[in-house]
């Protein structure tokens, strides 16, 4: 019976066969296309428990909300995760995570995490509680501990250290490291660079900069051995010494910042801000803050003589500290006479060896 029916209607059989093939092909194509789909909203707990399921790593989202962690191919809007956002390709917009954000390629926009941001390259602002780690970056990196970038066009701000190749501006609580710096390096202690004209720190190890060791004496008869280091315009000062006038407060130390205001062949004019302390390690001691105007003359290729006036503010709690200066422009005593503050004019002179 079936044989007779097929022989009687051959065109009908062929049409059904072709139609079935088209439907099967379209179904297969649709399933393949789902692997490359663009999803608008992604909501989940942690991969793969989410609205995108096991395909989440292939999807591009405009909004992602994940209670623990989210996985996607790209984020082009807002992505928020309680723990981590993991993006296999790129992000554009805002990423916010309680612990970390990881973007394999480029992150553009704002990236915020409680601990770590790690991305291939970036443009915008990255804020992390502990560290930002990236390739080339354009914009700003702000971290509680460290920023590490291959090259940085913008500025880095960190609680402890910044490191970059070529960079614009670095600000840290302890140390900055770079190759070529276009702007300023500002740290509470040390800057390291191949080229940096405006380092602001007590110790500046600049490859093409200037370093010197000096011996000096001031109006209080404090002999000081100091190390000056910096770039073309700014430098830092660190020193230790001994006071030959006092009997008790004899051990000296100093730290400060300086600037080359003028430079003509063998003559320079420098301005320094320095803080000097005298102590015997048993009491608070005597502290002096100074503004120094120091003309300097180069007498050879590596030897320079310097000296000039200083405006000083001295603060002390000892009789020995009070007696170091006999004439003050102005003086103040505390209510119980335990501390004394005085403003006076002084001087400093010395010689330094440049290298």
C-alpha atoms as a PDB file:
ATOM      1  CA  UNK A   1       0.000   0.000   0.000  1.00  0.00           C
ATOM      2  CA  UNK A   2       2.796   2.427   0.895  1.00  0.00           C
ATOM      3  CA  UNK A   3       4.703   1.536  -2.255  1.00  0.00           C
ATOM      4  CA  UNK A   4       1.701   2.370  -4.345  1.00  0.00           C
ATOM      5  CA  UNK A   5       1.218   5.673  -2.495  1.00  0.00           C
ATOM      6  CA  UNK A   6       4.850   6.779  -3.019  1.00  0.00           C
ATOM      7  CA  UNK A   7       4.736   5.789  -6.648  1.00  0.00           C
ATOM      8  CA  UNK A   8       1.510   7.689  -7.030  1.00  0.00           C
ATOM      9  CA  UNK A   9       2.784  10.945  -5.420  1.00  0.00           C
ATOM     10  CA  UNK A  10       6.615  11.203  -5.930  1.00  0.00           C
ATOM     11  CA  UNK A  11       6.657  15.058  -5.880  1.00  0.00           C
ATOM     12  CA  UNK A  12       4.905  15.158  -2.496  1.00  0.00           C
ATOM     13  CA  UNK A  13       7.558  12.870  -0.994  1.00  0.00           C
ATOM     14  CA  UNK A  14      10.419  14.973  -2.354  1.00  0.00           C
ATOM     15  CA  UNK A  15       8.855  18.213  -1.057  1.00  0.00           C
ATOM     16  CA  UNK A  16       8.527  16.764   2.435  1.00  0.00           C
ATOM     17  CA  UNK A  17      12.160  15.570   2.344  1.00  0.00           C
ATOM     18  CA  UNK A  18      13.492  18.994   1.264  1.00  0.00           C
ATOM     19  CA  UNK A  19      11.354  20.797   3.855  1.00  0.00           C
ATOM     20  CA  UNK A  20      12.602  18.551   6.643  1.00  0.00           C
ATOM     21  CA  UNK A  21      16.210  19.187   5.584  1.00  0.00           C
ATOM     22  CA  UNK A  22      15.726  22.965   5.652  1.00  0.00           C
ATOM     23  CA  UNK A  23      14.158  22.836   9.118  1.00  0.00           C
ATOM     24  CA  UNK A  24      17.030  20.687  10.435  1.00  0.00           C
ATOM     25  CA  UNK A  25      19.643  23.039   8.897  1.00  0.00           C
ATOM     26  CA  UNK A  26      17.982  26.115  10.364  1.00  0.00           C
ATOM     27  CA  UNK A  27      17.839  24.466  13.784  1.00  0.00           C
ATOM     28  CA  UNK A  28      21.560  23.610  13.688  1.00  0.00           C
ATOM     29  CA  UNK A  29      22.440  27.147  12.513  1.00  0.00           C
ATOM     30  CA  UNK A  30      20.322  28.634  15.309  1.00  0.00           C
ATOM     31  CA  UNK A  31      22.112  26.523  17.931  1.00  0.00           C
ATOM     32  CA  UNK A  32      25.507  27.592  16.544  1.00  0.00           C
ATOM     33  CA  UNK A  33      24.464  31.237  16.485  1.00  0.00           C
ATOM     34  CA  UNK A  34      23.574  31.062  20.163  1.00  0.00           C
ATOM     35  CA  UNK A  35      27.281  30.579  20.887  1.00  0.00           C
ATOM     36  CA  UNK A  36      27.905  34.061  19.461  1.00  0.00           C
ATOM     37  CA  UNK A  37      24.798  35.828  20.744  1.00  0.00           C
ATOM     38  CA  UNK A  38      24.792  39.278  22.346  1.00  0.00           C
ATOM     39  CA  UNK A  39      22.913  39.178  25.627  1.00  0.00           C
ATOM     40  CA  UNK A  40      21.555  42.422  27.120  1.00  0.00           C
ATOM     41  CA  UNK A  41      21.156  41.393  30.751  1.00  0.00           C
ATOM     42  CA  UNK A  42      23.021  38.761  32.727  1.00  0.00           C
ATOM     43  CA  UNK A  43      21.921  37.866  36.268  1.00  0.00           C
ATOM     44  CA  UNK A  44      23.409  35.076  38.304  1.00  0.00           C
ATOM     45  CA  UNK A  45      24.969  33.616  41.414  1.00  0.00           C
ATOM     46  CA  UNK A  46      28.266  32.219  40.130  1.00  0.00           C
ATOM     47  CA  UNK A  47      29.223  30.554  36.839  1.00  0.00           C
ATOM     48  CA  UNK A  48      27.378  28.586  35.487  1.00  0.00           C
ATOM     49  CA  UNK A  49      24.401  29.293  37.768  1.00  0.00           C
ATOM     50  CA  UNK A  50      23.133  32.345  35.871  1.00  0.00           C
ATOM     51  CA  UNK A  51      20.722  33.462  33.190  1.00  0.00           C
ATOM     52  CA  UNK A  52      23.421  32.821  30.564  1.00  0.00           C
ATOM     53  CA  UNK A  53      24.247  29.377  31.927  1.00  0.00           C
ATOM     54  CA  UNK A  54      27.225  27.469  30.574  1.00  0.00           C
ATOM     55  CA  UNK A  55      27.386  29.828  27.568  1.00  0.00           C
ATOM     56  CA  UNK A  56      28.158  32.837  29.810  1.00  0.00           C
ATOM     57  CA  UNK A  57      31.804  32.916  28.752  1.00  0.00           C
ATOM     58  CA  UNK A  58      30.735  33.548  25.137  1.00  0.00           C
ATOM     59  CA  UNK A  59      28.283  36.354  25.809  1.00  0.00           C
ATOM     60  CA  UNK A  60      28.505  40.147  25.628  1.00  0.00           C
ATOM     61  CA  UNK A  61      26.370  41.948  28.218  1.00  0.00           C
ATOM     62  CA  UNK A  62      25.088  45.465  28.759  1.00  0.00           C
ATOM     63  CA  UNK A  63      24.160  44.742  32.377  1.00  0.00           C
ATOM     64  CA  UNK A  64      25.584  42.021  34.606  1.00  0.00           C
ATOM     65  CA  UNK A  65      24.587  41.420  38.224  1.00  0.00           C
ATOM     66  CA  UNK A  66      26.255  38.495  39.980  1.00  0.00           C
ATOM     67  CA  UNK A  67      25.975  37.753  43.664  1.00  0.00           C
ATOM     68  CA  UNK A  68      29.378  36.004  43.823  1.00  0.00           C
ATOM     69  CA  UNK A  69      31.219  36.044  40.471  1.00  0.00           C
ATOM     70  CA  UNK A  70      30.432  36.663  36.834  1.00  0.00           C
ATOM     71  CA  UNK A  71      32.009  35.268  33.650  1.00  0.00           C
ATOM     72  CA  UNK A  72      31.535  36.797  30.205  1.00  0.00           C
ATOM     73  CA  UNK A  73      33.223  37.445  26.875  1.00  0.00           C
ATOM     74  CA  UNK A  74      32.700  41.217  27.113  1.00  0.00           C
ATOM     75  CA  UNK A  75      30.957  43.813  29.252  1.00  0.00           C
ATOM     76  CA  UNK A  76      29.683  46.976  27.576  1.00  0.00           C
ATOM     77  CA  UNK A  77      27.727  48.726  30.289  1.00  0.00           C
ATOM     78  CA  UNK A  78      27.571  47.975  34.002  1.00  0.00           C
ATOM     79  CA  UNK A  79      28.879  44.825  35.653  1.00  0.00           C
ATOM     80  CA  UNK A  80      28.603  44.306  39.420  1.00  0.00           C
ATOM     81  CA  UNK A  81      29.804  41.253  41.345  1.00  0.00           C
ATOM     82  CA  UNK A  82      30.024  40.510  45.038  1.00  0.00           C
ATOM     83  CA  UNK A  83      33.416  38.857  44.586  1.00  0.00           C
ATOM     84  CA  UNK A  84      34.841  39.014  41.043  1.00  0.00           C
ATOM     85  CA  UNK A  85      34.148  39.983  37.450  1.00  0.00           C
ATOM     86  CA  UNK A  86      35.996  37.817  34.907  1.00  0.00           C
ATOM     87  CA  UNK A  87      35.921  39.138  31.340  1.00  0.00           C
ATOM     88  CA  UNK A  88      37.577  37.020  28.668  1.00  0.00           C
ATOM     89  CA  UNK A  89      37.915  39.794  26.080  1.00  0.00           C
ATOM     90  CA  UNK A  90      37.166  43.483  26.791  1.00  0.00           C
ATOM     91  CA  UNK A  91      35.063  45.826  28.904  1.00  0.00           C
ATOM     92  CA  UNK A  92      33.514  49.236  28.216  1.00  0.00           C
ATOM     93  CA  UNK A  93      31.684  51.062  30.972  1.00  0.00           C
ATOM     94  CA  UNK A  94      31.794  50.313  34.695  1.00  0.00           C
ATOM     95  CA  UNK A  95      33.076  47.225  36.481  1.00  0.00           C
ATOM     96  CA  UNK A  96      32.523  46.985  40.239  1.00  0.00           C
ATOM     97  CA  UNK A  97      33.614  44.003  42.333  1.00  0.00           C
ATOM     98  CA  UNK A  98      33.995  43.379  46.033  1.00  0.00           C
ATOM     99  CA  UNK A  99      37.361  41.654  45.551  1.00  0.00           C
ATOM    100  CA  UNK A 100      38.733  41.736  41.986  1.00  0.00           C
ATOM    101  CA  UNK A 101      38.188  42.537  38.320  1.00  0.00           C
ATOM    102  CA  UNK A 102      39.991  40.572  35.593  1.00  0.00           C
ATOM    103  CA  UNK A 103      39.870  41.741  31.962  1.00  0.00           C
ATOM    104  CA  UNK A 104      42.022  39.788  29.546  1.00  0.00           C
ATOM    105  CA  UNK A 105      42.366  42.497  26.919  1.00  0.00           C
ATOM    106  CA  UNK A 106      41.298  46.155  27.078  1.00  0.00           C
ATOM    107  CA  UNK A 107      39.319  47.803  29.871  1.00  0.00           C
ATOM    108  CA  UNK A 108      37.753  51.179  29.061  1.00  0.00           C
ATOM    109  CA  UNK A 109      35.798  53.271  31.531  1.00  0.00           C
ATOM    110  CA  UNK A 110      35.813  52.853  35.300  1.00  0.00           C
ATOM    111  CA  UNK A 111      37.082  49.749  37.065  1.00  0.00           C
ATOM    112  CA  UNK A 112      36.606  49.527  40.845  1.00  0.00           C
ATOM    113  CA  UNK A 113      37.464  46.675  43.190  1.00  0.00           C
ATOM    114  CA  UNK A 114      38.047  46.103  46.871  1.00  0.00           C
ATOM    115  CA  UNK A 115      41.406  44.399  46.278  1.00  0.00           C
ATOM    116  CA  UNK A 116      42.714  43.951  42.705  1.00  0.00           C
ATOM    117  CA  UNK A 117      42.186  45.116  39.137  1.00  0.00           C
ATOM    118  CA  UNK A 118      44.116  43.201  36.456  1.00  0.00           C
ATOM    119  CA  UNK A 119      43.743  43.982  32.759  1.00  0.00           C
ATOM    120  CA  UNK A 120      45.711  43.807  29.525  1.00  0.00           C
ATOM    121  CA  UNK A 121      45.480  47.520  28.699  1.00  0.00           C
ATOM    122  CA  UNK A 122      43.187  50.326  29.697  1.00  0.00           C
ATOM    123  CA  UNK A 123      41.685  53.752  29.235  1.00  0.00           C
ATOM    124  CA  UNK A 124      39.858  55.563  32.026  1.00  0.00           C
ATOM    125  CA  UNK A 125      40.075  55.156  35.795  1.00  0.00           C
ATOM    126  CA  UNK A 126      41.051  52.093  37.815  1.00  0.00           C
ATOM    127  CA  UNK A 127      40.551  52.119  41.594  1.00  0.00           C
ATOM    128  CA  UNK A 128      41.618  49.208  43.802  1.00  0.00           C
ATOM    129  CA  UNK A 129      41.915  48.687  47.519  1.00  0.00           C
ATOM    130  CA  UNK A 130      45.269  46.932  47.062  1.00  0.00           C
ATOM    131  CA  UNK A 131      46.694  46.980  43.517  1.00  0.00           C
ATOM    132  CA  UNK A 132      46.141  47.757  39.829  1.00  0.00           C
ATOM    133  CA  UNK A 133      48.122  45.629  37.358  1.00  0.00           C
ATOM    134  CA  UNK A 134      47.989  46.446  33.647  1.00  0.00           C
ATOM    135  CA  UNK A 135      49.793  46.797  30.356  1.00  0.00           C
ATOM    136  CA  UNK A 136      49.572  50.197  28.674  1.00  0.00           C
ATOM    137  CA  UNK A 137      47.215  52.554  30.492  1.00  0.00           C
ATOM    138  CA  UNK A 138      45.792  55.967  29.650  1.00  0.00           C
ATOM    139  CA  UNK A 139      44.007  57.787  32.463  1.00  0.00           C
ATOM    140  CA  UNK A 140      44.425  57.208  36.198  1.00  0.00           C
ATOM    141  CA  UNK A 141      45.319  54.350  38.495  1.00  0.00           C
ATOM    142  CA  UNK A 142      44.549  54.687  42.208  1.00  0.00           C
ATOM    143  CA  UNK A 143      45.448  51.933  44.669  1.00  0.00           C
ATOM    144  CA  UNK A 144      45.813  51.491  48.395  1.00  0.00           C
ATOM    145  CA  UNK A 145      49.164  49.729  47.984  1.00  0.00           C
ATOM    146  CA  UNK A 146      50.603  49.577  44.440  1.00  0.00           C
ATOM    147  CA  UNK A 147      50.056  50.398  40.776  1.00  0.00           C
ATOM    148  CA  UNK A 148      52.019  48.358  38.210  1.00  0.00           C
ATOM    149  CA  UNK A 149      51.764  49.360  34.558  1.00  0.00           C
ATOM    150  CA  UNK A 150      53.839  48.772  31.428  1.00  0.00           C
ATOM    151  CA  UNK A 151      53.384  52.364  30.236  1.00  0.00           C
ATOM    152  CA  UNK A 152      51.234  55.086  31.778  1.00  0.00           C
ATOM    153  CA  UNK A 153      49.798  58.198  30.144  1.00  0.00           C
ATOM    154  CA  UNK A 154      48.146  60.023  33.036  1.00  0.00           C
ATOM    155  CA  UNK A 155      48.878  59.582  36.718  1.00  0.00           C
ATOM    156  CA  UNK A 156      49.339  56.874  39.314  1.00  0.00           C
ATOM    157  CA  UNK A 157      48.424  57.364  42.970  1.00  0.00           C
ATOM    158  CA  UNK A 158      49.342  54.650  45.483  1.00  0.00           C
ATOM    159  CA  UNK A 159      49.703  54.277  49.212  1.00  0.00           C
ATOM    160  CA  UNK A 160      53.065  52.508  48.899  1.00  0.00           C
ATOM    161  CA  UNK A 161      54.542  52.349  45.367  1.00  0.00           C
ATOM    162  CA  UNK A 162      54.034  52.946  41.663  1.00  0.00           C
ATOM    163  CA  UNK A 163      55.897  51.260  38.827  1.00  0.00           C
ATOM    164  CA  UNK A 164      55.633  52.031  35.111  1.00  0.00           C
ATOM    165  CA  UNK A 165      57.721  52.258  31.962  1.00  0.00           C
ATOM    166  CA  UNK A 166      57.180  55.664  30.407  1.00  0.00           C
ATOM    167  CA  UNK A 167      54.772  57.682  32.523  1.00  0.00           C
ATOM    168  CA  UNK A 168      53.395  61.155  33.191  1.00  0.00           C
ATOM    169  CA  UNK A 169      52.981  61.614  36.958  1.00  0.00           C
ATOM    170  CA  UNK A 170      53.457  59.289  39.914  1.00  0.00           C
ATOM    171  CA  UNK A 171      52.431  59.963  43.524  1.00  0.00           C
ATOM    172  CA  UNK A 172      53.099  57.437  46.279  1.00  0.00           C
ATOM    173  CA  UNK A 173      53.506  57.077  50.005  1.00  0.00           C
ATOM    174  CA  UNK A 174      56.963  55.493  49.717  1.00  0.00           C
ATOM    175  CA  UNK A 175      58.473  54.833  46.263  1.00  0.00           C
ATOM    176  CA  UNK A 176      58.034  55.477  42.532  1.00  0.00           C
ATOM    177  CA  UNK A 177      59.814  53.522  39.766  1.00  0.00           C
ATOM    178  CA  UNK A 178      59.760  54.470  36.081  1.00  0.00           C
ATOM    179  CA  UNK A 179      61.847  54.859  32.954  1.00  0.00           C
ATOM    180  CA  UNK A 180      61.039  58.206  31.337  1.00  0.00           C
ATOM    181  CA  UNK A 181      58.845  60.582  33.362  1.00  0.00           C
ATOM    182  CA  UNK A 182      57.200  63.508  31.552  1.00  0.00           C
ATOM    183  CA  UNK A 183      55.680  65.124  34.643  1.00  0.00           C
ATOM    184  CA  UNK A 184      56.534  64.792  38.328  1.00  0.00           C
ATOM    185  CA  UNK A 185      57.437  61.937  40.637  1.00  0.00           C
ATOM    186  CA  UNK A 186      56.230  62.626  44.177  1.00  0.00           C
ATOM    187  CA  UNK A 187      56.954  60.252  47.027  1.00  0.00           C
ATOM    188  CA  UNK A 188      57.402  60.362  50.775  1.00  0.00           C
ATOM    189  CA  UNK A 189      60.851  58.786  50.405  1.00  0.00           C
ATOM    190  CA  UNK A 190      62.319  57.563  47.084  1.00  0.00           C
ATOM    191  CA  UNK A 191      62.009  57.992  43.312  1.00  0.00           C
ATOM    192  CA  UNK A 192      63.811  55.849  40.720  1.00  0.00           C
ATOM    193  CA  UNK A 193      63.885  56.658  36.988  1.00  0.00           C
ATOM    194  CA  UNK A 194      66.040  56.805  33.876  1.00  0.00           C
ATOM    195  CA  UNK A 195      64.845  60.363  33.234  1.00  0.00           C
ATOM    196  CA  UNK A 196      62.874  62.593  35.624  1.00  0.00           C
ATOM    197  CA  UNK A 197      63.318  66.366  35.837  1.00  0.00           C
ATOM    198  CA  UNK A 198      60.857  66.928  38.700  1.00  0.00           C
ATOM    199  CA  UNK A 199      61.361  64.257  41.366  1.00  0.00           C
ATOM    200  CA  UNK A 200      60.033  65.231  44.797  1.00  0.00           C
ATOM    201  CA  UNK A 201      61.437  62.901  47.409  1.00  0.00           C
ATOM    202  CA  UNK A 202      64.265  62.731  49.920  1.00  0.00           C
ATOM    203  CA  UNK A 203      66.125  60.121  47.821  1.00  0.00           C
ATOM    204  CA  UNK A 204      66.037  60.316  43.999  1.00  0.00           C
ATOM    205  CA  UNK A 205      68.010  57.809  41.944  1.00  0.00           C
ATOM    206  CA  UNK A 206      67.753  59.345  38.463  1.00  0.00           C
ATOM    207  CA  UNK A 207      70.021  57.779  35.855  1.00  0.00           C
ATOM    208  CA  UNK A 208      70.600  60.991  33.883  1.00  0.00           C
ATOM    209  CA  UNK A 209      70.201  63.220  36.953  1.00  0.00           C
ATOM    210  CA  UNK A 210      72.668  64.651  39.462  1.00  0.00           C
ATOM    211  CA  UNK A 211      73.999  63.263  42.736  1.00  0.00           C
ATOM    212  CA  UNK A 212      76.403  64.843  45.216  1.00  0.00           C
ATOM    213  CA  UNK A 213      77.938  64.352  48.644  1.00  0.00           C
ATOM    214  CA  UNK A 214      78.582  67.491  50.675  1.00  0.00           C
ATOM    215  CA  UNK A 215      80.050  68.587  53.982  1.00  0.00           C
ATOM    216  CA  UNK A 216      78.680  71.778  55.557  1.00  0.00           C
ATOM    217  CA  UNK A 217      78.507  73.822  58.745  1.00  0.00           C
ATOM    218  CA  UNK A 218      75.713  76.137  59.886  1.00  0.00           C
ATOM    219  CA  UNK A 219      75.331  78.974  62.396  1.00  0.00           C
ATOM    220  CA  UNK A 220      74.634  76.445  65.199  1.00  0.00           C
ATOM    221  CA  UNK A 221      78.030  74.803  64.545  1.00  0.00           C
ATOM    222  CA  UNK A 222      76.463  71.619  63.242  1.00  0.00           C
ATOM    223  CA  UNK A 223      78.732  69.697  60.886  1.00  0.00           C
ATOM    224  CA  UNK A 224      76.669  67.766  58.341  1.00  0.00           C
ATOM    225  CA  UNK A 225      77.448  65.085  55.765  1.00  0.00           C
ATOM    226  CA  UNK A 226      74.632  65.188  53.190  1.00  0.00           C
ATOM    227  CA  UNK A 227      73.563  63.331  50.059  1.00  0.00           C
ATOM    228  CA  UNK A 228      71.720  65.358  47.403  1.00  0.00           C
ATOM    229  CA  UNK A 229      70.033  63.588  44.506  1.00  0.00           C
ATOM    230  CA  UNK A 230      67.564  64.580  41.834  1.00  0.00           C
ATOM    231  CA  UNK A 231      66.835  65.686  38.306  1.00  0.00           C
ATOM    232  CA  UNK A 232      67.383  68.768  36.199  1.00  0.00           C
ATOM    233  CA  UNK A 233      65.269  71.055  38.396  1.00  0.00           C
ATOM    234  CA  UNK A 234      64.371  69.371  41.718  1.00  0.00           C
ATOM    235  CA  UNK A 235      66.360  67.283  44.201  1.00  0.00           C
ATOM    236  CA  UNK A 236      66.198  65.719  47.659  1.00  0.00           C
ATOM    237  CA  UNK A 237      68.440  65.990  50.713  1.00  0.00           C
ATOM    238  CA  UNK A 238      69.389  63.409  53.360  1.00  0.00           C
ATOM    239  CA  UNK A 239      72.119  63.960  55.917  1.00  0.00           C
ATOM    240  CA  UNK A 240      73.689  63.003  59.244  1.00  0.00           C
ATOM    241  CA  UNK A 241      76.050  65.033  61.385  1.00  0.00           C
ATOM    242  CA  UNK A 242      77.438  66.184  64.729  1.00  0.00           C
ATOM    243  CA  UNK A 243      77.113  69.427  66.692  1.00  0.00           C
ATOM    244  CA  UNK A 244      80.459  70.633  68.066  1.00  0.00           C
ATOM    245  CA  UNK A 245      78.919  73.306  70.315  1.00  0.00           C
ATOM    246  CA  UNK A 246      76.542  71.268  72.457  1.00  0.00           C
ATOM    247  CA  UNK A 247      77.408  68.867  75.261  1.00  0.00           C
ATOM    248  CA  UNK A 248      74.266  66.720  75.157  1.00  0.00           C
ATOM    249  CA  UNK A 249      72.272  67.214  71.951  1.00  0.00           C
ATOM    250  CA  UNK A 250      75.114  66.436  69.574  1.00  0.00           C
ATOM    251  CA  UNK A 251      73.767  63.892  67.057  1.00  0.00           C
ATOM    252  CA  UNK A 252      72.278  65.544  63.977  1.00  0.00           C
ATOM    253  CA  UNK A 253      70.128  64.494  61.032  1.00  0.00           C
ATOM    254  CA  UNK A 254      68.459  66.382  58.192  1.00  0.00           C
ATOM    255  CA  UNK A 255      65.998  65.835  55.354  1.00  0.00           C
ATOM    256  CA  UNK A 256      64.786  68.284  52.763  1.00  0.00           C
ATOM    257  CA  UNK A 257      63.953  69.289  49.217  1.00  0.00           C
ATOM    258  CA  UNK A 258      65.752  71.635  46.849  1.00  0.00           C
ATOM    259  CA  UNK A 259      65.361  73.374  43.502  1.00  0.00           C
ATOM    260  CA  UNK A 260      67.843  74.745  40.971  1.00  0.00           C
ATOM    261  CA  UNK A 261      66.473  78.235  40.310  1.00  0.00           C
ATOM    262  CA  UNK A 262      69.286  79.525  38.062  1.00  0.00           C
ATOM    263  CA  UNK A 263      72.111  77.809  36.237  1.00  0.00           C
ATOM    264  CA  UNK A 264      74.793  79.700  34.305  1.00  0.00           C
ATOM    265  CA  UNK A 265      77.963  77.781  33.420  1.00  0.00           C
ATOM    266  CA  UNK A 266      79.898  77.735  36.720  1.00  0.00           C
ATOM    267  CA  UNK A 267      77.246  79.521  38.826  1.00  0.00           C
ATOM    268  CA  UNK A 268      73.965  78.217  40.227  1.00  0.00           C
ATOM    269  CA  UNK A 269      71.356  79.547  42.610  1.00  0.00           C
ATOM    270  CA  UNK A 270      69.567  76.939  44.702  1.00  0.00           C
ATOM    271  CA  UNK A 271      66.588  77.147  47.055  1.00  0.00           C
ATOM    272  CA  UNK A 272      66.244  74.556  49.803  1.00  0.00           C
ATOM    273  CA  UNK A 273      63.618  73.631  52.375  1.00  0.00           C
ATOM    274  CA  UNK A 274      65.136  71.485  55.109  1.00  0.00           C
ATOM    275  CA  UNK A 275      64.407  70.112  58.551  1.00  0.00           C
ATOM    276  CA  UNK A 276      67.298  69.485  60.945  1.00  0.00           C
ATOM    277  CA  UNK A 277      67.198  67.697  64.280  1.00  0.00           C
ATOM    278  CA  UNK A 278      69.623  67.531  67.205  1.00  0.00           C
ATOM    279  CA  UNK A 279      69.193  64.769  69.747  1.00  0.00           C
ATOM    280  CA  UNK A 280      70.907  62.700  72.420  1.00  0.00           C
ATOM    281  CA  UNK A 281      68.354  59.859  71.981  1.00  0.00           C
ATOM    282  CA  UNK A 282      66.974  60.349  75.500  1.00  0.00           C
ATOM    283  CA  UNK A 283      64.595  63.275  74.973  1.00  0.00           C
ATOM    284  CA  UNK A 284      62.678  64.998  72.188  1.00  0.00           C
ATOM    285  CA  UNK A 285      65.642  67.181  71.219  1.00  0.00           C
ATOM    286  CA  UNK A 286      65.821  70.369  69.171  1.00  0.00           C
ATOM    287  CA  UNK A 287      64.270  70.741  65.711  1.00  0.00           C
ATOM    288  CA  UNK A 288      64.893  73.414  63.115  1.00  0.00           C
ATOM    289  CA  UNK A 289      62.997  74.129  59.873  1.00  0.00           C
ATOM    290  CA  UNK A 290      64.913  76.232  57.365  1.00  0.00           C
ATOM    291  CA  UNK A 291      64.547  78.080  54.086  1.00  0.00           C
ATOM    292  CA  UNK A 292      67.958  78.431  52.453  1.00  0.00           C
ATOM    293  CA  UNK A 293      69.043  80.588  49.499  1.00  0.00           C
ATOM    294  CA  UNK A 294      72.341  79.104  48.320  1.00  0.00           C
ATOM    295  CA  UNK A 295      74.538  80.533  45.586  1.00  0.00           C
ATOM    296  CA  UNK A 296      76.975  77.865  44.333  1.00  0.00           C
ATOM    297  CA  UNK A 297      80.206  78.124  42.343  1.00  0.00           C
ATOM    298  CA  UNK A 298      81.672  75.251  40.316  1.00  0.00           C
ATOM    299  CA  UNK A 299      85.437  75.342  40.892  1.00  0.00           C
ATOM    300  CA  UNK A 300      86.107  72.187  38.858  1.00  0.00           C
ATOM    301  CA  UNK A 301      84.176  69.599  36.871  1.00  0.00           C
ATOM    302  CA  UNK A 302      83.026  67.848  40.045  1.00  0.00           C
ATOM    303  CA  UNK A 303      83.626  70.224  42.988  1.00  0.00           C
ATOM    304  CA  UNK A 304      81.231  72.998  43.976  1.00  0.00           C
ATOM    305  CA  UNK A 305      81.324  75.564  46.785  1.00  0.00           C
ATOM    306  CA  UNK A 306      78.043  76.821  48.230  1.00  0.00           C
ATOM    307  CA  UNK A 307      76.872  79.100  51.014  1.00  0.00           C
ATOM    308  CA  UNK A 308      74.169  81.584  51.878  1.00  0.00           C
ATOM    309  CA  UNK A 309      71.577  82.907  54.316  1.00  0.00           C
ATOM    310  CA  UNK A 310      68.755  80.960  55.915  1.00  0.00           C
ATOM    311  CA  UNK A 311      65.505  81.775  57.686  1.00  0.00           C
ATOM    312  CA  UNK A 312      65.018  79.311  60.538  1.00  0.00           C
ATOM    313  CA  UNK A 313      62.257  78.316  62.932  1.00  0.00           C
ATOM    314  CA  UNK A 314      63.620  76.451  65.946  1.00  0.00           C
ATOM    315  CA  UNK A 315      61.573  74.403  68.392  1.00  0.00           C
ATOM    316  CA  UNK A 316      63.124  72.955  71.533  1.00  0.00           C
ATOM    317  CA  UNK A 317      62.393  71.799  75.053  1.00  0.00           C
ATOM    318  CA  UNK A 318      65.959  71.973  76.391  1.00  0.00           C
ATOM    319  CA  UNK A 319      68.090  74.793  77.772  1.00  0.00           C
ATOM    320  CA  UNK A 320      70.867  73.755  75.439  1.00  0.00           C
ATOM    321  CA  UNK A 321      68.567  74.220  72.471  1.00  0.00           C
ATOM    322  CA  UNK A 322      67.444  77.672  73.669  1.00  0.00           C
ATOM    323  CA  UNK A 323      71.043  78.843  74.107  1.00  0.00           C
ATOM    324  CA  UNK A 324      72.175  77.908  70.594  1.00  0.00           C
ATOM    325  CA  UNK A 325      70.830  81.211  69.232  1.00  0.00           C
ATOM    326  CA  UNK A 326      71.336  84.533  71.038  1.00  0.00           C
ATOM    327  CA  UNK A 327      69.278  86.869  68.856  1.00  0.00           C
ATOM    328  CA  UNK A 328      65.762  86.024  67.618  1.00  0.00           C
ATOM    329  CA  UNK A 329      63.508  87.929  65.258  1.00  0.00           C
ATOM    330  CA  UNK A 330      60.592  86.613  67.271  1.00  0.00           C
ATOM    331  CA  UNK A 331      60.144  84.102  70.062  1.00  0.00           C
ATOM    332  CA  UNK A 332      57.303  82.190  71.701  1.00  0.00           C
ATOM    333  CA  UNK A 333      57.146  80.242  74.969  1.00  0.00           C
ATOM    334  CA  UNK A 334      54.538  77.623  75.767  1.00  0.00           C
ATOM    335  CA  UNK A 335      52.149  78.290  78.642  1.00  0.00           C
ATOM    336  CA  UNK A 336      54.141  76.072  81.018  1.00  0.00           C
ATOM    337  CA  UNK A 337      57.552  77.017  79.526  1.00  0.00           C
ATOM    338  CA  UNK A 338      58.188  73.400  78.535  1.00  0.00           C
ATOM    339  CA  UNK A 339      58.705  74.219  74.832  1.00  0.00           C
ATOM    340  CA  UNK A 340      60.302  77.203  73.153  1.00  0.00           C
ATOM    341  CA  UNK A 341      59.922  78.402  69.542  1.00  0.00           C
ATOM    342  CA  UNK A 342      62.063  81.056  67.911  1.00  0.00           C
ATOM    343  CA  UNK A 343      62.473  82.632  64.463  1.00  0.00           C
ATOM    344  CA  UNK A 344      65.913  83.835  63.457  1.00  0.00           C
ATOM    345  CA  UNK A 345      68.297  84.468  60.546  1.00  0.00           C
ATOM    346  CA  UNK A 346      71.286  82.180  60.074  1.00  0.00           C
ATOM    347  CA  UNK A 347      73.624  80.781  57.442  1.00  0.00           C
ATOM    348  CA  UNK A 348      75.110  77.606  56.017  1.00  0.00           C
ATOM    349  CA  UNK A 349      78.253  76.996  53.943  1.00  0.00           C
ATOM    350  CA  UNK A 350      79.938  73.934  52.490  1.00  0.00           C
ATOM    351  CA  UNK A 351      81.551  72.057  49.639  1.00  0.00           C
ATOM    352  CA  UNK A 352      80.122  69.210  47.597  1.00  0.00           C
ATOM    353  CA  UNK A 353      81.429  66.614  45.180  1.00  0.00           C
ATOM    354  CA  UNK A 354      79.212  65.974  42.147  1.00  0.00           C
ATOM    355  CA  UNK A 355      78.894  62.616  40.384  1.00  0.00           C
END
